Amino acid sequence: MRQQISSAVDLIIQQTRLKDGSRKVTAITEVVGMEGEVVVLTDIFKFEQTGVGQDGKIIGELKPTGIRPIFGPRLEAAGFKLGAEIFMPAGGLNLGQRR
């Protein structure tokens, strides 16, 4: 069953209700496949909180982890051409770990 699910799902988009009551996308994670009985996931984008505004609203943004998704060629075949820069953190390459 896990094998079927992992082969059918490319991305998991996680939306979270934050402490200020707002909802934000906090992670975009690729389902890479299986290693034995374990589904392998890789974070492509993660929400980074940078502060809290005077009105109490959480300030932050979704930032790339530096890892390009494996399904990129399938996106391009479907007509979606994403440049490599979209997956690069502002400070350069982050050798994020797969989990």
PDB file of N, CA and C in Angstrom:
ATOM      1  N   MET A   1       0.821  -1.185   0.000  1.00  0.00           N
ATOM      2  CA  MET A   1       0.000   0.000   0.000  1.00  0.00           C
ATOM      3  C   MET A   1       0.876   1.264   0.000  1.00  0.00           C
ATOM      4  N   ARG A   2       1.912   1.292   0.832  1.00  0.00           N
ATOM      5  CA  ARG A   2       2.816   2.456   0.876  1.00  0.00           C
ATOM      6  C   ARG A   2       3.456   2.704  -0.475  1.00  0.00           C
ATOM      7  N   GLN A   3       3.863   1.640  -1.160  1.00  0.00           N
ATOM      8  CA  GLN A   3       4.491   1.757  -2.473  1.00  0.00           C
ATOM      9  C   GLN A   3       3.536   2.420  -3.457  1.00  0.00           C
ATOM     10  N   GLN A   4       2.272   2.021  -3.457  1.00  0.00           N
ATOM     11  CA  GLN A   4       1.287   2.615  -4.361  1.00  0.00           C
ATOM     12  C   GLN A   4       1.103   4.098  -4.075  1.00  0.00           C
ATOM     13  N   ILE A   5       0.985   4.446  -2.816  1.00  0.00           N
ATOM     14  CA  ILE A   5       0.793   5.845  -2.439  1.00  0.00           C
ATOM     15  C   ILE A   5       2.018   6.669  -2.812  1.00  0.00           C
ATOM     16  N   SER A   6       3.215   6.167  -2.487  1.00  0.00           N
ATOM     17  CA  SER A   6       4.429   6.939  -2.765  1.00  0.00           C
ATOM     18  C   SER A   6       4.663   7.121  -4.258  1.00  0.00           C
ATOM     19  N   SER A   7       4.183   6.192  -5.076  1.00  0.00           N
ATOM     20  CA  SER A   7       4.355   6.349  -6.516  1.00  0.00           C
ATOM     21  C   SER A   7       3.270   7.228  -7.128  1.00  0.00           C
ATOM     22  N   ALA A   8       2.168   7.448  -6.415  1.00  0.00           N
ATOM     23  CA  ALA A   8       1.065   8.254  -6.934  1.00  0.00           C
ATOM     24  C   ALA A   8       1.134   9.717  -6.509  1.00  0.00           C
ATOM     25  N   VAL A   9       1.870  10.014  -5.446  1.00  0.00           N
ATOM     26  CA  VAL A   9       1.924  11.372  -4.899  1.00  0.00           C
ATOM     27  C   VAL A   9       3.304  11.963  -5.152  1.00  0.00           C
ATOM     28  N   ASP A  10       3.339  13.164  -5.763  1.00  0.00           N
ATOM     29  CA  ASP A  10       4.610  13.844  -6.005  1.00  0.00           C
ATOM     30  C   ASP A  10       4.949  14.836  -4.894  1.00  0.00           C
ATOM     31  N   LEU A  11       3.947  15.583  -4.458  1.00  0.00           N
ATOM     32  CA  LEU A  11       4.177  16.658  -3.491  1.00  0.00           C
ATOM     33  C   LEU A  11       3.181  16.603  -2.352  1.00  0.00           C
ATOM     34  N   ILE A  12       3.642  17.072  -1.198  1.00  0.00           N
ATOM     35  CA  ILE A  12       2.762  17.308  -0.059  1.00  0.00           C
ATOM     36  C   ILE A  12       2.887  18.791   0.260  1.00  0.00           C
ATOM     37  N   ILE A  13       1.751  19.483   0.254  1.00  0.00           N
ATOM     38  CA  ILE A  13       1.727  20.898   0.606  1.00  0.00           C
ATOM     39  C   ILE A  13       1.138  20.980   2.005  1.00  0.00           C
ATOM     40  N   GLN A  14       1.926  21.484   2.956  1.00  0.00           N
ATOM     41  CA  GLN A  14       1.459  21.564   4.339  1.00  0.00           C
ATOM     42  C   GLN A  14       1.063  23.000   4.650  1.00  0.00           C
ATOM     43  N   GLN A  15      -0.170  23.165   5.112  1.00  0.00           N
ATOM     44  CA  GLN A  15      -0.660  24.469   5.546  1.00  0.00           C
ATOM     45  C   GLN A  15      -0.893  24.384   7.046  1.00  0.00           C
ATOM     46  N   THR A  16      -0.451  25.402   7.768  1.00  0.00           N
ATOM     47  CA  THR A  16      -0.524  25.385   9.225  1.00  0.00           C
ATOM     48  C   THR A  16      -1.206  26.645   9.725  1.00  0.00           C
ATOM     49  N   ARG A  17      -1.995  26.501  10.789  1.00  0.00           N
ATOM     50  CA  ARG A  17      -2.530  27.687  11.453  1.00  0.00           C
ATOM     51  C   ARG A  17      -1.463  28.142  12.451  1.00  0.00           C
ATOM     52  N   LEU A  18      -1.001  29.374  12.283  1.00  0.00           N
ATOM     53  CA  LEU A  18       0.060  29.908  13.129  1.00  0.00           C
ATOM     54  C   LEU A  18      -0.523  30.502  14.414  1.00  0.00           C
ATOM     55  N   LYS A  19       0.351  30.875  15.342  1.00  0.00           N
ATOM     56  CA  LYS A  19      -0.077  31.386  16.647  1.00  0.00           C
ATOM     57  C   LYS A  19      -0.953  32.627  16.551  1.00  0.00           C
ATOM     58  N   ASP A  20      -0.793  33.403  15.453  1.00  0.00           N
ATOM     59  CA  ASP A  20      -1.606  34.607  15.284  1.00  0.00           C
ATOM     60  C   ASP A  20      -2.969  34.315  14.668  1.00  0.00           C
ATOM     61  N   GLY A  21      -3.252  33.043  14.397  1.00  0.00           N
ATOM     62  CA  GLY A  21      -4.529  32.643  13.828  1.00  0.00           C
ATOM     63  C   GLY A  21      -4.541  32.565  12.308  1.00  0.00           C
ATOM     64  N   SER A  22      -3.489  33.061  11.663  1.00  0.00           N
ATOM     65  CA  SER A  22      -3.426  33.014  10.202  1.00  0.00           C
ATOM     66  C   SER A  22      -3.042  31.611   9.744  1.00  0.00           C
ATOM     67  N   ARG A  23      -3.360  31.330   8.499  1.00  0.00           N
ATOM     68  CA  ARG A  23      -2.963  30.067   7.888  1.00  0.00           C
ATOM     69  C   ARG A  23      -1.944  30.377   6.809  1.00  0.00           C
ATOM     70  N   LYS A  24      -0.856  29.627   6.817  1.00  0.00           N
ATOM     71  CA  LYS A  24       0.190  29.808   5.813  1.00  0.00           C
ATOM     72  C   LYS A  24       0.685  28.450   5.352  1.00  0.00           C
ATOM     73  N   VAL A  25       1.135  28.397   4.096  1.00  0.00           N
ATOM     74  CA  VAL A  25       1.817  27.203   3.617  1.00  0.00           C
ATOM     75  C   VAL A  25       3.167  27.194   4.329  1.00  0.00           C
ATOM     76  N   THR A  26       3.450  26.135   5.064  1.00  0.00           N
ATOM     77  CA  THR A  26       4.677  26.079   5.860  1.00  0.00           C
ATOM     78  C   THR A  26       5.704  25.094   5.308  1.00  0.00           C
ATOM     79  N   ALA A  27       5.301  24.256   4.367  1.00  0.00           N
ATOM     80  CA  ALA A  27       6.261  23.333   3.760  1.00  0.00           C
ATOM     81  C   ALA A  27       5.717  22.808   2.441  1.00  0.00           C
ATOM     82  N   ILE A  28       6.628  22.642   1.489  1.00  0.00           N
ATOM     83  CA  ILE A  28       6.345  21.927   0.245  1.00  0.00           C
ATOM     84  C   ILE A  28       7.379  20.816   0.190  1.00  0.00           C
ATOM     85  N   THR A  29       6.895  19.588   0.243  1.00  0.00           N
ATOM     86  CA  THR A  29       7.751  18.418   0.389  1.00  0.00           C
ATOM     87  C   THR A  29       7.518  17.451  -0.768  1.00  0.00           C
ATOM     88  N   GLU A  30       8.603  16.958  -1.339  1.00  0.00           N
ATOM     89  CA  GLU A  30       8.514  15.981  -2.415  1.00  0.00           C
ATOM     90  C   GLU A  30       8.492  14.571  -1.836  1.00  0.00           C
ATOM     91  N   VAL A  31       7.620  13.736  -2.382  1.00  0.00           N
ATOM     92  CA  VAL A  31       7.619  12.313  -2.055  1.00  0.00           C
ATOM     93  C   VAL A  31       8.559  11.666  -3.061  1.00  0.00           C
ATOM     94  N   VAL A  32       9.750  11.272  -2.587  1.00  0.00           N
ATOM     95  CA  VAL A  32      10.814  10.792  -3.461  1.00  0.00           C
ATOM     96  C   VAL A  32      10.597   9.342  -3.879  1.00  0.00           C
ATOM     97  N   GLY A  33      10.110   8.536  -2.962  1.00  0.00           N
ATOM     98  CA  GLY A  33       9.916   7.111  -3.254  1.00  0.00           C
ATOM     99  C   GLY A  33      10.008   6.302  -1.981  1.00  0.00           C
ATOM    100  N   MET A  34      10.489   5.075  -2.118  1.00  0.00           N
ATOM    101  CA  MET A  34      10.584   4.162  -0.980  1.00  0.00           C
ATOM    102  C   MET A  34      12.024   3.706  -0.776  1.00  0.00           C
ATOM    103  N   GLU A  35      12.377   3.537   0.483  1.00  0.00           N
ATOM    104  CA  GLU A  35      13.620   2.858   0.868  1.00  0.00           C
ATOM    105  C   GLU A  35      13.194   1.759   1.820  1.00  0.00           C
ATOM    106  N   GLY A  36      13.097   0.558   1.292  1.00  0.00           N
ATOM    107  CA  GLY A  36      12.562  -0.541   2.094  1.00  0.00           C
ATOM    108  C   GLY A  36      11.091  -0.293   2.351  1.00  0.00           C
ATOM    109  N   GLU A  37      10.715  -0.211   3.612  1.00  0.00           N
ATOM    110  CA  GLU A  37       9.320   0.041   3.993  1.00  0.00           C
ATOM    111  C   GLU A  37       9.073   1.500   4.356  1.00  0.00           C
ATOM    112  N   VAL A  38      10.074   2.365   4.146  1.00  0.00           N
ATOM    113  CA  VAL A  38       9.978   3.769   4.560  1.00  0.00           C
ATOM    114  C   VAL A  38       9.742   4.658   3.344  1.00  0.00           C
ATOM    115  N   VAL A  39       8.741   5.540   3.446  1.00  0.00           N
ATOM    116  CA  VAL A  39       8.494   6.537   2.403  1.00  0.00           C
ATOM    117  C   VAL A  39       9.515   7.655   2.600  1.00  0.00           C
ATOM    118  N   VAL A  40      10.257   7.991   1.549  1.00  0.00           N
ATOM    119  CA  VAL A  40      11.307   9.009   1.627  1.00  0.00           C
ATOM    120  C   VAL A  40      10.733  10.349   1.183  1.00  0.00           C
ATOM    121  N   LEU A  41      10.884  11.360   2.050  1.00  0.00           N
ATOM    122  CA  LEU A  41      10.390  12.711   1.801  1.00  0.00           C
ATOM    123  C   LEU A  41      11.549  13.690   1.785  1.00  0.00           C
ATOM    124  N   THR A  42      11.453  14.728   0.939  1.00  0.00           N
ATOM    125  CA  THR A  42      12.477  15.770   0.876  1.00  0.00           C
ATOM    126  C   THR A  42      11.787  17.123   0.874  1.00  0.00           C
ATOM    127  N   ASP A  43      12.143  17.969   1.835  1.00  0.00           N
ATOM    128  CA  ASP A  43      11.596  19.328   1.865  1.00  0.00           C
ATOM    129  C   ASP A  43      12.220  20.148   0.748  1.00  0.00           C
ATOM    130  N   ILE A  44      11.374  20.779  -0.066  1.00  0.00           N
ATOM    131  CA  ILE A  44      11.846  21.637  -1.157  1.00  0.00           C
ATOM    132  C   ILE A  44      11.751  23.104  -0.740  1.00  0.00           C
ATOM    133  N   PHE A  45      10.660  23.458  -0.033  1.00  0.00           N
ATOM    134  CA  PHE A  45      10.474  24.806   0.507  1.00  0.00           C
ATOM    135  C   PHE A  45       9.990  24.690   1.944  1.00  0.00           C
ATOM    136  N   LYS A  46      10.465  25.588   2.809  1.00  0.00           N
ATOM    137  CA  LYS A  46      10.048  25.630   4.216  1.00  0.00           C
ATOM    138  C   LYS A  46       9.740  27.074   4.594  1.00  0.00           C
ATOM    139  N   PHE A  47       8.723  27.271   5.431  1.00  0.00           N
ATOM    140  CA  PHE A  47       8.382  28.605   5.918  1.00  0.00           C
ATOM    141  C   PHE A  47       9.398  29.020   6.970  1.00  0.00           C
ATOM    142  N   GLU A  48       9.881  30.247   6.852  1.00  0.00           N
ATOM    143  CA  GLU A  48      10.818  30.787   7.830  1.00  0.00           C
ATOM    144  C   GLU A  48      10.219  32.057   8.419  1.00  0.00           C
ATOM    145  N   GLN A  49       9.943  32.020   9.717  1.00  0.00           N
ATOM    146  CA  GLN A  49       9.409  33.192  10.401  1.00  0.00           C
ATOM    147  C   GLN A  49      10.547  34.175  10.646  1.00  0.00           C
ATOM    148  N   THR A  50      10.309  35.437  10.276  1.00  0.00           N
ATOM    149  CA  THR A  50      11.336  36.459  10.456  1.00  0.00           C
ATOM    150  C   THR A  50      10.989  37.463  11.539  1.00  0.00           C
ATOM    151  N   GLY A  51       9.765  37.398  12.019  1.00  0.00           N
ATOM    152  CA  GLY A  51       9.384  38.330  13.075  1.00  0.00           C
ATOM    153  C   GLY A  51       7.893  38.321  13.308  1.00  0.00           C
ATOM    154  N   VAL A  52       7.482  39.296  14.130  1.00  0.00           N
ATOM    155  CA  VAL A  52       6.067  39.507  14.421  1.00  0.00           C
ATOM    156  C   VAL A  52       5.811  40.997  14.250  1.00  0.00           C
ATOM    157  N   GLY A  53       4.788  41.339  13.475  1.00  0.00           N
ATOM    158  CA  GLY A  53       4.458  42.732  13.223  1.00  0.00           C
ATOM    159  C   GLY A  53       3.859  43.401  14.446  1.00  0.00           C
ATOM    160  N   GLN A  54       3.723  44.716  14.389  1.00  0.00           N
ATOM    161  CA  GLN A  54       3.139  45.472  15.501  1.00  0.00           C
ATOM    162  C   GLN A  54       1.707  45.051  15.776  1.00  0.00           C
ATOM    163  N   ASP A  55       1.036  44.542  14.746  1.00  0.00           N
ATOM    164  CA  ASP A  55      -0.337  44.072  14.896  1.00  0.00           C
ATOM    165  C   ASP A  55      -0.415  42.631  15.402  1.00  0.00           C
ATOM    166  N   GLY A  56       0.743  42.024  15.688  1.00  0.00           N
ATOM    167  CA  GLY A  56       0.791  40.654  16.194  1.00  0.00           C
ATOM    168  C   GLY A  56       0.812  39.594  15.112  1.00  0.00           C
ATOM    169  N   LYS A  57       0.780  40.002  13.855  1.00  0.00           N
ATOM    170  CA  LYS A  57       0.801  39.043  12.745  1.00  0.00           C
ATOM    171  C   LYS A  57       2.214  38.519  12.509  1.00  0.00           C
ATOM    172  N   ILE A  58       2.305  37.235  12.252  1.00  0.00           N
ATOM    173  CA  ILE A  58       3.597  36.601  11.993  1.00  0.00           C
ATOM    174  C   ILE A  58       4.089  37.014  10.613  1.00  0.00           C
ATOM    175  N   ILE A  59       5.355  37.381  10.563  1.00  0.00           N
ATOM    176  CA  ILE A  59       6.000  37.783   9.319  1.00  0.00           C
ATOM    177  C   ILE A  59       6.990  36.691   8.929  1.00  0.00           C
ATOM    178  N   GLY A  60       6.999  36.334   7.659  1.00  0.00           N
ATOM    179  CA  GLY A  60       7.928  35.328   7.180  1.00  0.00           C
ATOM    180  C   GLY A  60       7.638  34.989   5.742  1.00  0.00           C
ATOM    181  N   GLU A  61       8.394  34.034   5.221  1.00  0.00           N
ATOM    182  CA  GLU A  61       8.197  33.630   3.837  1.00  0.00           C
ATOM    183  C   GLU A  61       8.611  32.180   3.631  1.00  0.00           C
ATOM    184  N   LEU A  62       8.100  31.637   2.549  1.00  0.00           N
ATOM    185  CA  LEU A  62       8.456  30.284   2.138  1.00  0.00           C
ATOM    186  C   LEU A  62       9.794  30.364   1.418  1.00  0.00           C
ATOM    187  N   LYS A  63      10.779  29.636   1.912  1.00  0.00           N
ATOM    188  CA  LYS A  63      12.124  29.716   1.334  1.00  0.00           C
ATOM    189  C   LYS A  63      12.567  28.361   0.799  1.00  0.00           C
ATOM    190  N   PRO A  64      13.320  28.386  -0.301  1.00  0.00           N
ATOM    191  CA  PRO A  64      13.832  27.124  -0.861  1.00  0.00           C
ATOM    192  C   PRO A  64      14.904  26.515   0.034  1.00  0.00           C
ATOM    193  N   THR A  65      14.967  25.178   0.034  1.00  0.00           N
ATOM    194  CA  THR A  65      15.979  24.479   0.827  1.00  0.00           C
ATOM    195  C   THR A  65      17.270  24.245   0.045  1.00  0.00           C
ATOM    196  N   GLY A  66      17.221  24.473  -1.277  1.00  0.00           N
ATOM    197  CA  GLY A  66      18.398  24.239  -2.110  1.00  0.00           C
ATOM    198  C   GLY A  66      18.369  22.897  -2.818  1.00  0.00           C
ATOM    199  N   ILE A  67      17.306  22.135  -2.611  1.00  0.00           N
ATOM    200  CA  ILE A  67      17.179  20.819  -3.246  1.00  0.00           C
ATOM    201  C   ILE A  67      16.166  20.913  -4.378  1.00  0.00           C
ATOM    202  N   ARG A  68      16.591  20.508  -5.581  1.00  0.00           N
ATOM    203  CA  ARG A  68      15.686  20.503  -6.736  1.00  0.00           C
ATOM    204  C   ARG A  68      14.900  19.202  -6.741  1.00  0.00           C
ATOM    205  N   PRO A  69      13.610  19.277  -7.068  1.00  0.00           N
ATOM    206  CA  PRO A  69      12.792  18.066  -7.060  1.00  0.00           C
ATOM    207  C   PRO A  69      13.173  17.111  -8.192  1.00  0.00           C
ATOM    208  N   ILE A  70      12.989  15.841  -7.934  1.00  0.00           N
ATOM    209  CA  ILE A  70      13.300  14.796  -8.906  1.00  0.00           C
ATOM    210  C   ILE A  70      12.314  14.829 -10.070  1.00  0.00           C
ATOM    211  N   PHE A  71      11.077  15.248  -9.815  1.00  0.00           N
ATOM    212  CA  PHE A  71      10.070  15.217 -10.868  1.00  0.00           C
ATOM    213  C   PHE A  71      10.135  16.432 -11.800  1.00  0.00           C
ATOM    214  N   GLY A  72      11.201  17.234 -11.712  1.00  0.00           N
ATOM    215  CA  GLY A  72      11.387  18.397 -12.574  1.00  0.00           C
ATOM    216  C   GLY A  72      11.230  18.103 -14.060  1.00  0.00           C
ATOM    217  N   PRO A  73      11.845  17.044 -14.580  1.00  0.00           N
ATOM    218  CA  PRO A  73      11.686  16.734 -16.003  1.00  0.00           C
ATOM    219  C   PRO A  73      10.230  16.475 -16.414  1.00  0.00           C
ATOM    220  N   ARG A  74       9.442  15.895 -15.520  1.00  0.00           N
ATOM    221  CA  ARG A  74       8.018  15.681 -15.829  1.00  0.00           C
ATOM    222  C   ARG A  74       7.272  17.010 -15.897  1.00  0.00           C
ATOM    223  N   LEU A  75       7.653  17.962 -15.037  1.00  0.00           N
ATOM    224  CA  LEU A  75       7.053  19.297 -15.104  1.00  0.00           C
ATOM    225  C   LEU A  75       7.362  19.950 -16.446  1.00  0.00           C
ATOM    226  N   GLU A  76       8.629  19.862 -16.857  1.00  0.00           N
ATOM    227  CA  GLU A  76       9.042  20.455 -18.128  1.00  0.00           C
ATOM    228  C   GLU A  76       8.321  19.808 -19.298  1.00  0.00           C
ATOM    229  N   ALA A  77       8.136  18.498 -19.262  1.00  0.00           N
ATOM    230  CA  ALA A  77       7.414  17.803 -20.333  1.00  0.00           C
ATOM    231  C   ALA A  77       5.967  18.268 -20.415  1.00  0.00           C
ATOM    232  N   ALA A  78       5.416  18.722 -19.278  1.00  0.00           N
ATOM    233  CA  ALA A  78       4.040  19.215 -19.244  1.00  0.00           C
ATOM    234  C   ALA A  78       3.965  20.709 -19.574  1.00  0.00           C
ATOM    235  N   GLY A  79       5.138  21.329 -19.869  1.00  0.00           N
ATOM    236  CA  GLY A  79       5.145  22.727 -20.269  1.00  0.00           C
ATOM    237  C   GLY A  79       5.489  23.713 -19.171  1.00  0.00           C
ATOM    238  N   PHE A  80       5.860  23.246 -17.989  1.00  0.00           N
ATOM    239  CA  PHE A  80       6.234  24.120 -16.876  1.00  0.00           C
ATOM    240  C   PHE A  80       7.744  24.165 -16.770  1.00  0.00           C
ATOM    241  N   LYS A  81       8.327  25.276 -17.167  1.00  0.00           N
ATOM    242  CA  LYS A  81       9.786  25.405 -17.120  1.00  0.00           C
ATOM    243  C   LYS A  81      10.162  26.289 -15.942  1.00  0.00           C
ATOM    244  N   LEU A  82      10.674  25.673 -14.901  1.00  0.00           N
ATOM    245  CA  LEU A  82      11.108  26.402 -13.713  1.00  0.00           C
ATOM    246  C   LEU A  82      12.628  26.483 -13.727  1.00  0.00           C
ATOM    247  N   GLY A  83      13.144  27.684 -13.621  1.00  0.00           N
ATOM    248  CA  GLY A  83      14.588  27.855 -13.585  1.00  0.00           C
ATOM    249  C   GLY A  83      15.168  27.324 -12.284  1.00  0.00           C
ATOM    250  N   ALA A  84      16.427  26.941 -12.314  1.00  0.00           N
ATOM    251  CA  ALA A  84      17.095  26.393 -11.132  1.00  0.00           C
ATOM    252  C   ALA A  84      17.118  27.397  -9.986  1.00  0.00           C
ATOM    253  N   GLU A  85      17.094  28.706 -10.307  1.00  0.00           N
ATOM    254  CA  GLU A  85      17.192  29.731  -9.270  1.00  0.00           C
ATOM    255  C   GLU A  85      16.017  29.715  -8.297  1.00  0.00           C
ATOM    256  N   ILE A  86      14.870  29.215  -8.729  1.00  0.00           N
ATOM    257  CA  ILE A  86      13.709  29.157  -7.841  1.00  0.00           C
ATOM    258  C   ILE A  86      13.951  28.213  -6.656  1.00  0.00           C
ATOM    259  N   PHE A  87      14.832  27.253  -6.837  1.00  0.00           N
ATOM    260  CA  PHE A  87      15.112  26.265  -5.793  1.00  0.00           C
ATOM    261  C   PHE A  87      16.351  26.608  -4.964  1.00  0.00           C
ATOM    262  N   MET A  88      17.019  27.717  -5.288  1.00  0.00           N
ATOM    263  CA  MET A  88      18.251  28.096  -4.591  1.00  0.00           C
ATOM    264  C   MET A  88      17.962  29.114  -3.493  1.00  0.00           C
ATOM    265  N   PRO A  89      18.476  28.901  -2.288  1.00  0.00           N
ATOM    266  CA  PRO A  89      18.331  29.886  -1.229  1.00  0.00           C
ATOM    267  C   PRO A  89      19.067  31.173  -1.598  1.00  0.00           C
ATOM    268  N   ALA A  90      18.620  32.285  -1.035  1.00  0.00           N
ATOM    269  CA  ALA A  90      19.210  33.586  -1.351  1.00  0.00           C
ATOM    270  C   ALA A  90      20.703  33.635  -1.037  1.00  0.00           C
ATOM    271  N   GLY A  91      21.154  32.944   0.006  1.00  0.00           N
ATOM    272  CA  GLY A  91      22.557  32.972   0.407  1.00  0.00           C
ATOM    273  C   GLY A  91      23.437  31.970  -0.322  1.00  0.00           C
ATOM    274  N   GLY A  92      22.899  31.273  -1.302  1.00  0.00           N
ATOM    275  CA  GLY A  92      23.685  30.259  -2.009  1.00  0.00           C
ATOM    276  C   GLY A  92      23.182  28.874  -1.710  1.00  0.00           C
ATOM    277  N   LEU A  93      23.967  27.883  -2.059  1.00  0.00           N
ATOM    278  CA  LEU A  93      23.577  26.490  -1.919  1.00  0.00           C
ATOM    279  C   LEU A  93      23.527  26.059  -0.465  1.00  0.00           C
ATOM    280  N   ASN A  94      22.432  25.430  -0.087  1.00  0.00           N
ATOM    281  CA  ASN A  94      22.279  24.824   1.231  1.00  0.00           C
ATOM    282  C   ASN A  94      22.209  23.327   1.006  1.00  0.00           C
ATOM    283  N   LEU A  95      23.138  22.606   1.507  1.00  0.00           N
ATOM    284  CA  LEU A  95      23.142  21.157   1.295  1.00  0.00           C
ATOM    285  C   LEU A  95      22.213  20.512   2.313  1.00  0.00           C
ATOM    286  N   GLY A  96      20.906  20.820   2.162  1.00  0.00           N
ATOM    287  CA  GLY A  96      19.904  20.285   3.060  1.00  0.00           C
ATOM    288  C   GLY A  96      19.897  18.765   3.036  1.00  0.00           C
ATOM    289  N   GLN A  97      19.536  18.186   4.161  1.00  0.00           N
ATOM    290  CA  GLN A  97      19.545  16.729   4.262  1.00  0.00           C
ATOM    291  C   GLN A  97      18.190  16.174   3.867  1.00  0.00           C
ATOM    292  N   ARG A  98      18.213  15.041   3.198  1.00  0.00           N
ATOM    293  CA  ARG A  98      16.979  14.325   2.905  1.00  0.00           C
ATOM    294  C   ARG A  98      16.582  13.569   4.166  1.00  0.00           C
ATOM    295  N   ARG A  99      15.280  13.450   4.364  1.00  0.00           N
ATOM    296  CA  ARG A  99      14.834  12.662   5.499  1.00  0.00           C
ATOM    297  C   ARG A  99      13.880  11.612   5.083  1.00  0.00           C
TER     298      ARG A  99
END
